[in-house]
């Protein structure tokens, strides 16, 4: 369901933010097409409290391919990607603490 524990942990954090009303319209895996025929699939998309669109990508490290896709997203879609980095220990704690949330969410 998730590519990493960090991505799963971030999903739980965002779900909680949405429940508190800090963000809304939370989605997983939004896809954006580029003129060159390539597609970028972000990890999460939502609207913040001001209504601005936010597209996040959870990364362990920033690759050259990610940098290229970030430039294309800004140029072609006017969206600045928000890179989220989370340490393995922090991600593990979130996943363990909210395992039930992840299981309920995956059953939908």
N, C-alpha and C. Protein backbone atom coordinates (compact mmCIF):
# COMPACT_ATOMS: atom_id res chain seq x y z
N UNK A 1 0.82 -1.19 0.00
CA UNK A 1 0.00 0.00 0.00
C UNK A 1 0.87 1.26 0.00
N UNK A 2 1.94 1.27 0.78
CA UNK A 2 2.85 2.41 0.82
C UNK A 2 4.25 1.96 0.41
N UNK A 3 5.00 2.86 -0.21
CA UNK A 3 6.35 2.53 -0.66
C UNK A 3 7.36 2.46 0.48
N UNK A 4 7.03 3.08 1.62
CA UNK A 4 7.97 3.09 2.75
C UNK A 4 7.21 3.35 4.05
N UNK A 5 7.87 3.06 5.16
CA UNK A 5 7.28 3.38 6.46
C UNK A 5 7.13 4.88 6.62
N UNK A 6 8.06 5.64 6.07
CA UNK A 6 7.97 7.09 6.16
C UNK A 6 6.72 7.60 5.44
N UNK A 7 6.42 7.03 4.28
CA UNK A 7 5.22 7.44 3.54
C UNK A 7 3.96 7.07 4.33
N UNK A 8 3.93 5.88 4.91
CA UNK A 8 2.79 5.46 5.72
C UNK A 8 2.62 6.37 6.93
N UNK A 9 3.74 6.71 7.57
CA UNK A 9 3.69 7.60 8.73
C UNK A 9 3.17 8.98 8.35
N UNK A 10 3.62 9.48 7.22
CA UNK A 10 3.16 10.80 6.77
C UNK A 10 1.66 10.78 6.48
N UNK A 11 1.17 9.68 5.91
CA UNK A 11 -0.26 9.54 5.64
C UNK A 11 -1.05 9.66 6.94
N UNK A 12 -0.58 8.98 7.99
CA UNK A 12 -1.25 9.05 9.29
C UNK A 12 -1.25 10.48 9.81
N UNK A 13 -0.12 11.16 9.70
CA UNK A 13 -0.04 12.56 10.15
C UNK A 13 -1.05 13.43 9.40
N UNK A 14 -1.12 13.23 8.07
CA UNK A 14 -2.04 14.04 7.26
C UNK A 14 -3.50 13.70 7.57
N UNK A 15 -3.81 12.43 7.81
CA UNK A 15 -5.17 12.06 8.20
C UNK A 15 -5.58 12.78 9.48
N UNK A 16 -4.67 12.82 10.43
CA UNK A 16 -4.96 13.50 11.70
C UNK A 16 -5.15 15.00 11.48
N UNK A 17 -4.33 15.59 10.62
CA UNK A 17 -4.48 17.02 10.32
C UNK A 17 -5.84 17.30 9.66
N UNK A 18 -6.26 16.38 8.80
CA UNK A 18 -7.56 16.55 8.14
C UNK A 18 -8.69 16.42 9.16
N UNK A 19 -8.58 15.45 10.07
CA UNK A 19 -9.60 15.28 11.11
C UNK A 19 -9.72 16.52 11.98
N UNK A 20 -8.61 17.22 12.22
CA UNK A 20 -8.60 18.43 13.04
C UNK A 20 -9.03 19.67 12.23
N UNK A 21 -9.18 19.52 10.92
CA UNK A 21 -9.61 20.64 10.08
C UNK A 21 -8.49 21.52 9.59
N UNK A 22 -7.24 21.10 9.80
CA UNK A 22 -6.09 21.90 9.35
C UNK A 22 -5.88 21.81 7.85
N UNK A 23 -6.26 20.70 7.25
CA UNK A 23 -6.17 20.50 5.79
C UNK A 23 -7.47 19.86 5.32
N UNK A 24 -7.70 19.85 4.02
CA UNK A 24 -8.89 19.16 3.48
C UNK A 24 -8.59 18.65 2.07
N UNK A 25 -9.49 17.82 1.55
CA UNK A 25 -9.37 17.22 0.21
C UNK A 25 -8.11 16.37 0.08
N UNK A 26 -7.76 15.64 1.12
CA UNK A 26 -6.57 14.80 1.12
C UNK A 26 -6.71 13.63 0.14
N UNK A 27 -5.69 13.44 -0.69
CA UNK A 27 -5.66 12.35 -1.68
C UNK A 27 -4.29 11.69 -1.67
N UNK A 28 -4.27 10.43 -2.09
CA UNK A 28 -3.01 9.71 -2.28
C UNK A 28 -2.75 9.53 -3.77
N UNK A 29 -1.48 9.55 -4.14
CA UNK A 29 -1.01 9.21 -5.48
C UNK A 29 -1.63 10.05 -6.60
N UNK A 30 -1.67 11.39 -6.47
CA UNK A 30 -2.19 12.20 -7.58
C UNK A 30 -1.23 12.13 -8.77
N UNK A 31 -1.79 12.05 -9.96
CA UNK A 31 -0.96 11.93 -11.18
C UNK A 31 -1.02 13.23 -11.98
N UNK A 32 0.14 13.59 -12.52
CA UNK A 32 0.27 14.77 -13.38
C UNK A 32 1.03 14.36 -14.63
N UNK A 33 0.48 14.69 -15.79
CA UNK A 33 1.14 14.39 -17.05
C UNK A 33 1.98 15.58 -17.51
N UNK A 34 3.09 15.27 -18.16
CA UNK A 34 3.96 16.29 -18.72
C UNK A 34 3.86 16.27 -20.23
N UNK A 35 4.18 17.38 -20.87
CA UNK A 35 4.11 17.51 -22.32
C UNK A 35 4.99 16.48 -23.03
N UNK A 36 6.07 16.06 -22.38
CA UNK A 36 6.99 15.10 -22.99
C UNK A 36 6.44 13.68 -22.98
N UNK A 37 5.27 13.46 -22.34
CA UNK A 37 4.66 12.14 -22.29
C UNK A 37 4.90 11.41 -20.98
N UNK A 38 5.77 11.93 -20.14
CA UNK A 38 6.03 11.31 -18.84
C UNK A 38 4.93 11.69 -17.85
N UNK A 39 4.82 10.92 -16.79
CA UNK A 39 3.84 11.18 -15.73
C UNK A 39 4.55 11.23 -14.39
N UNK A 40 4.15 12.18 -13.58
CA UNK A 40 4.65 12.26 -12.20
C UNK A 40 3.50 11.87 -11.28
N UNK A 41 3.79 11.00 -10.34
CA UNK A 41 2.80 10.60 -9.35
C UNK A 41 3.32 11.01 -7.98
N UNK A 42 2.67 12.00 -7.39
CA UNK A 42 3.06 12.45 -6.06
C UNK A 42 2.58 11.48 -5.01
N UNK A 43 3.04 11.67 -3.79
CA UNK A 43 2.57 10.81 -2.71
C UNK A 43 1.23 11.29 -2.18
N UNK A 44 1.11 12.61 -1.96
CA UNK A 44 -0.12 13.16 -1.38
C UNK A 44 -0.45 14.52 -1.99
N UNK A 45 -1.75 14.82 -2.01
CA UNK A 45 -2.21 16.14 -2.44
C UNK A 45 -3.35 16.54 -1.50
N UNK A 46 -3.34 17.81 -1.12
CA UNK A 46 -4.38 18.32 -0.24
C UNK A 46 -4.43 19.84 -0.34
N UNK A 47 -5.42 20.43 0.29
CA UNK A 47 -5.51 21.88 0.39
C UNK A 47 -5.22 22.26 1.84
N UNK A 48 -4.36 23.27 2.01
CA UNK A 48 -4.03 23.70 3.36
C UNK A 48 -5.14 24.62 3.90
N UNK A 49 -4.93 25.15 5.10
CA UNK A 49 -5.97 25.96 5.75
C UNK A 49 -6.32 27.23 4.98
N UNK A 50 -5.38 27.70 4.13
CA UNK A 50 -5.66 28.89 3.31
C UNK A 50 -6.30 28.51 1.97
N UNK A 51 -6.45 27.20 1.71
CA UNK A 51 -7.04 26.73 0.46
C UNK A 51 -6.04 26.49 -0.65
N UNK A 52 -4.75 26.70 -0.37
CA UNK A 52 -3.73 26.48 -1.40
C UNK A 52 -3.50 24.99 -1.62
N UNK A 53 -3.28 24.62 -2.86
CA UNK A 53 -2.99 23.23 -3.22
C UNK A 53 -1.56 22.88 -2.83
N UNK A 54 -1.40 21.73 -2.17
CA UNK A 54 -0.09 21.24 -1.75
C UNK A 54 0.09 19.84 -2.30
N UNK A 55 1.21 19.59 -2.98
CA UNK A 55 1.56 18.25 -3.45
C UNK A 55 2.85 17.87 -2.73
N UNK A 56 2.81 16.73 -2.03
CA UNK A 56 3.95 16.28 -1.26
C UNK A 56 4.56 15.02 -1.84
N UNK A 57 5.85 14.91 -1.63
CA UNK A 57 6.60 13.72 -2.00
C UNK A 57 7.49 13.37 -0.80
N UNK A 58 7.33 12.18 -0.26
CA UNK A 58 8.14 11.72 0.87
C UNK A 58 9.40 11.09 0.28
N UNK A 59 10.55 11.64 0.68
CA UNK A 59 11.82 11.19 0.10
C UNK A 59 12.83 10.87 1.19
N UNK A 60 13.58 9.79 0.98
CA UNK A 60 14.72 9.50 1.83
C UNK A 60 15.89 10.38 1.43
N UNK A 61 16.05 10.51 0.10
CA UNK A 61 17.07 11.41 -0.42
C UNK A 61 16.57 11.99 -1.73
N UNK A 62 17.04 13.16 -2.04
CA UNK A 62 16.58 13.87 -3.23
C UNK A 62 17.43 13.45 -4.42
N UNK A 63 16.82 12.73 -5.36
CA UNK A 63 17.53 12.26 -6.55
C UNK A 63 17.49 13.30 -7.66
N UNK A 64 18.34 13.12 -8.65
CA UNK A 64 18.32 14.02 -9.81
C UNK A 64 16.99 13.91 -10.55
N UNK A 65 16.42 12.70 -10.61
CA UNK A 65 15.13 12.53 -11.27
C UNK A 65 14.04 13.31 -10.55
N UNK A 66 14.05 13.27 -9.23
CA UNK A 66 13.08 14.05 -8.46
C UNK A 66 13.25 15.54 -8.74
N UNK A 67 14.48 16.02 -8.77
CA UNK A 67 14.72 17.44 -9.05
C UNK A 67 14.18 17.83 -10.41
N UNK A 68 14.36 16.96 -11.40
CA UNK A 68 13.83 17.23 -12.74
C UNK A 68 12.31 17.28 -12.72
N UNK A 69 11.69 16.31 -12.06
CA UNK A 69 10.22 16.29 -11.99
C UNK A 69 9.70 17.51 -11.24
N UNK A 70 10.41 17.94 -10.21
CA UNK A 70 9.99 19.13 -9.47
C UNK A 70 10.03 20.37 -10.37
N UNK A 71 11.07 20.47 -11.19
CA UNK A 71 11.16 21.61 -12.12
C UNK A 71 10.04 21.55 -13.16
N UNK A 72 9.76 20.35 -13.67
CA UNK A 72 8.67 20.20 -14.64
C UNK A 72 7.32 20.54 -14.02
N UNK A 73 7.10 20.11 -12.77
CA UNK A 73 5.83 20.42 -12.10
C UNK A 73 5.63 21.92 -11.97
N UNK A 74 6.68 22.62 -11.61
CA UNK A 74 6.59 24.07 -11.47
C UNK A 74 6.36 24.72 -12.84
N UNK A 75 7.12 24.30 -13.83
CA UNK A 75 7.03 24.89 -15.17
C UNK A 75 5.70 24.60 -15.86
N UNK A 76 5.27 23.33 -15.82
CA UNK A 76 4.08 22.94 -16.59
C UNK A 76 2.76 23.05 -15.82
N UNK A 77 2.82 22.92 -14.50
CA UNK A 77 1.59 22.93 -13.71
C UNK A 77 1.53 24.06 -12.69
N UNK A 78 2.64 24.79 -12.54
CA UNK A 78 2.66 25.90 -11.58
C UNK A 78 2.62 25.44 -10.14
N UNK A 79 3.06 24.21 -9.89
CA UNK A 79 3.02 23.63 -8.54
C UNK A 79 4.43 23.39 -8.03
N UNK A 80 4.71 23.91 -6.85
CA UNK A 80 5.99 23.64 -6.19
C UNK A 80 5.81 22.41 -5.31
N UNK A 81 6.57 21.36 -5.58
CA UNK A 81 6.48 20.15 -4.78
C UNK A 81 7.03 20.39 -3.39
N UNK A 82 6.35 19.83 -2.41
CA UNK A 82 6.82 19.90 -1.03
C UNK A 82 7.48 18.57 -0.70
N UNK A 83 8.79 18.59 -0.51
CA UNK A 83 9.52 17.38 -0.17
C UNK A 83 9.47 17.20 1.34
N UNK A 84 9.08 15.99 1.77
CA UNK A 84 9.00 15.67 3.19
C UNK A 84 10.02 14.59 3.49
N UNK A 85 10.86 14.86 4.49
CA UNK A 85 11.86 13.88 4.89
C UNK A 85 11.58 13.50 6.34
N UNK A 86 11.57 12.20 6.60
CA UNK A 86 11.30 11.71 7.94
C UNK A 86 12.32 10.63 8.27
N UNK A 87 12.91 10.71 9.43
CA UNK A 87 13.87 9.71 9.85
C UNK A 87 13.21 8.36 10.07
N UNK A 88 13.97 7.29 9.88
CA UNK A 88 13.44 5.93 10.02
C UNK A 88 12.85 5.68 11.40
N UNK A 89 13.51 6.19 12.44
CA UNK A 89 13.01 5.99 13.80
C UNK A 89 11.68 6.67 14.03
N UNK A 90 11.55 7.89 13.55
CA UNK A 90 10.29 8.63 13.69
C UNK A 90 9.18 7.94 12.92
N UNK A 91 9.47 7.49 11.71
CA UNK A 91 8.47 6.80 10.89
C UNK A 91 8.01 5.52 11.58
N UNK A 92 8.94 4.77 12.13
CA UNK A 92 8.61 3.51 12.82
C UNK A 92 7.67 3.78 14.00
N UNK A 93 7.94 4.83 14.76
CA UNK A 93 7.08 5.16 15.91
C UNK A 93 5.66 5.49 15.46
N UNK A 94 5.53 6.30 14.41
CA UNK A 94 4.21 6.65 13.89
C UNK A 94 3.46 5.42 13.39
N UNK A 95 4.15 4.58 12.65
CA UNK A 95 3.50 3.39 12.08
C UNK A 95 3.02 2.47 13.20
N UNK A 96 3.87 2.23 14.19
CA UNK A 96 3.48 1.35 15.31
C UNK A 96 2.33 1.95 16.10
N UNK A 97 2.41 3.24 16.38
CA UNK A 97 1.39 3.89 17.20
C UNK A 97 0.02 3.92 16.52
N UNK A 98 0.02 4.00 15.20
CA UNK A 98 -1.25 4.16 14.48
C UNK A 98 -1.52 3.03 13.49
N UNK A 99 -1.04 1.84 13.80
CA UNK A 99 -1.24 0.68 12.92
C UNK A 99 -2.71 0.46 12.62
N UNK A 100 -3.57 0.65 13.63
CA UNK A 100 -5.01 0.47 13.42
C UNK A 100 -5.58 1.44 12.40
N UNK A 101 -5.11 2.66 12.42
CA UNK A 101 -5.56 3.67 11.44
C UNK A 101 -5.18 3.22 10.03
N UNK A 102 -3.96 2.74 9.88
CA UNK A 102 -3.50 2.29 8.56
C UNK A 102 -4.32 1.10 8.08
N UNK A 103 -4.63 0.17 8.98
CA UNK A 103 -5.41 -1.01 8.61
C UNK A 103 -6.83 -0.63 8.22
N UNK A 104 -7.45 0.26 8.99
CA UNK A 104 -8.81 0.71 8.64
C UNK A 104 -8.82 1.43 7.30
N UNK A 105 -7.82 2.27 7.08
CA UNK A 105 -7.75 3.04 5.84
C UNK A 105 -7.56 2.12 4.64
N UNK A 106 -6.73 1.08 4.77
CA UNK A 106 -6.48 0.19 3.64
C UNK A 106 -7.68 -0.69 3.33
N UNK A 107 -8.60 -0.85 4.28
CA UNK A 107 -9.79 -1.66 4.05
C UNK A 107 -10.84 -0.91 3.24
N UNK A 108 -10.67 0.40 3.08
CA UNK A 108 -11.65 1.20 2.32
C UNK A 108 -11.60 0.90 0.85
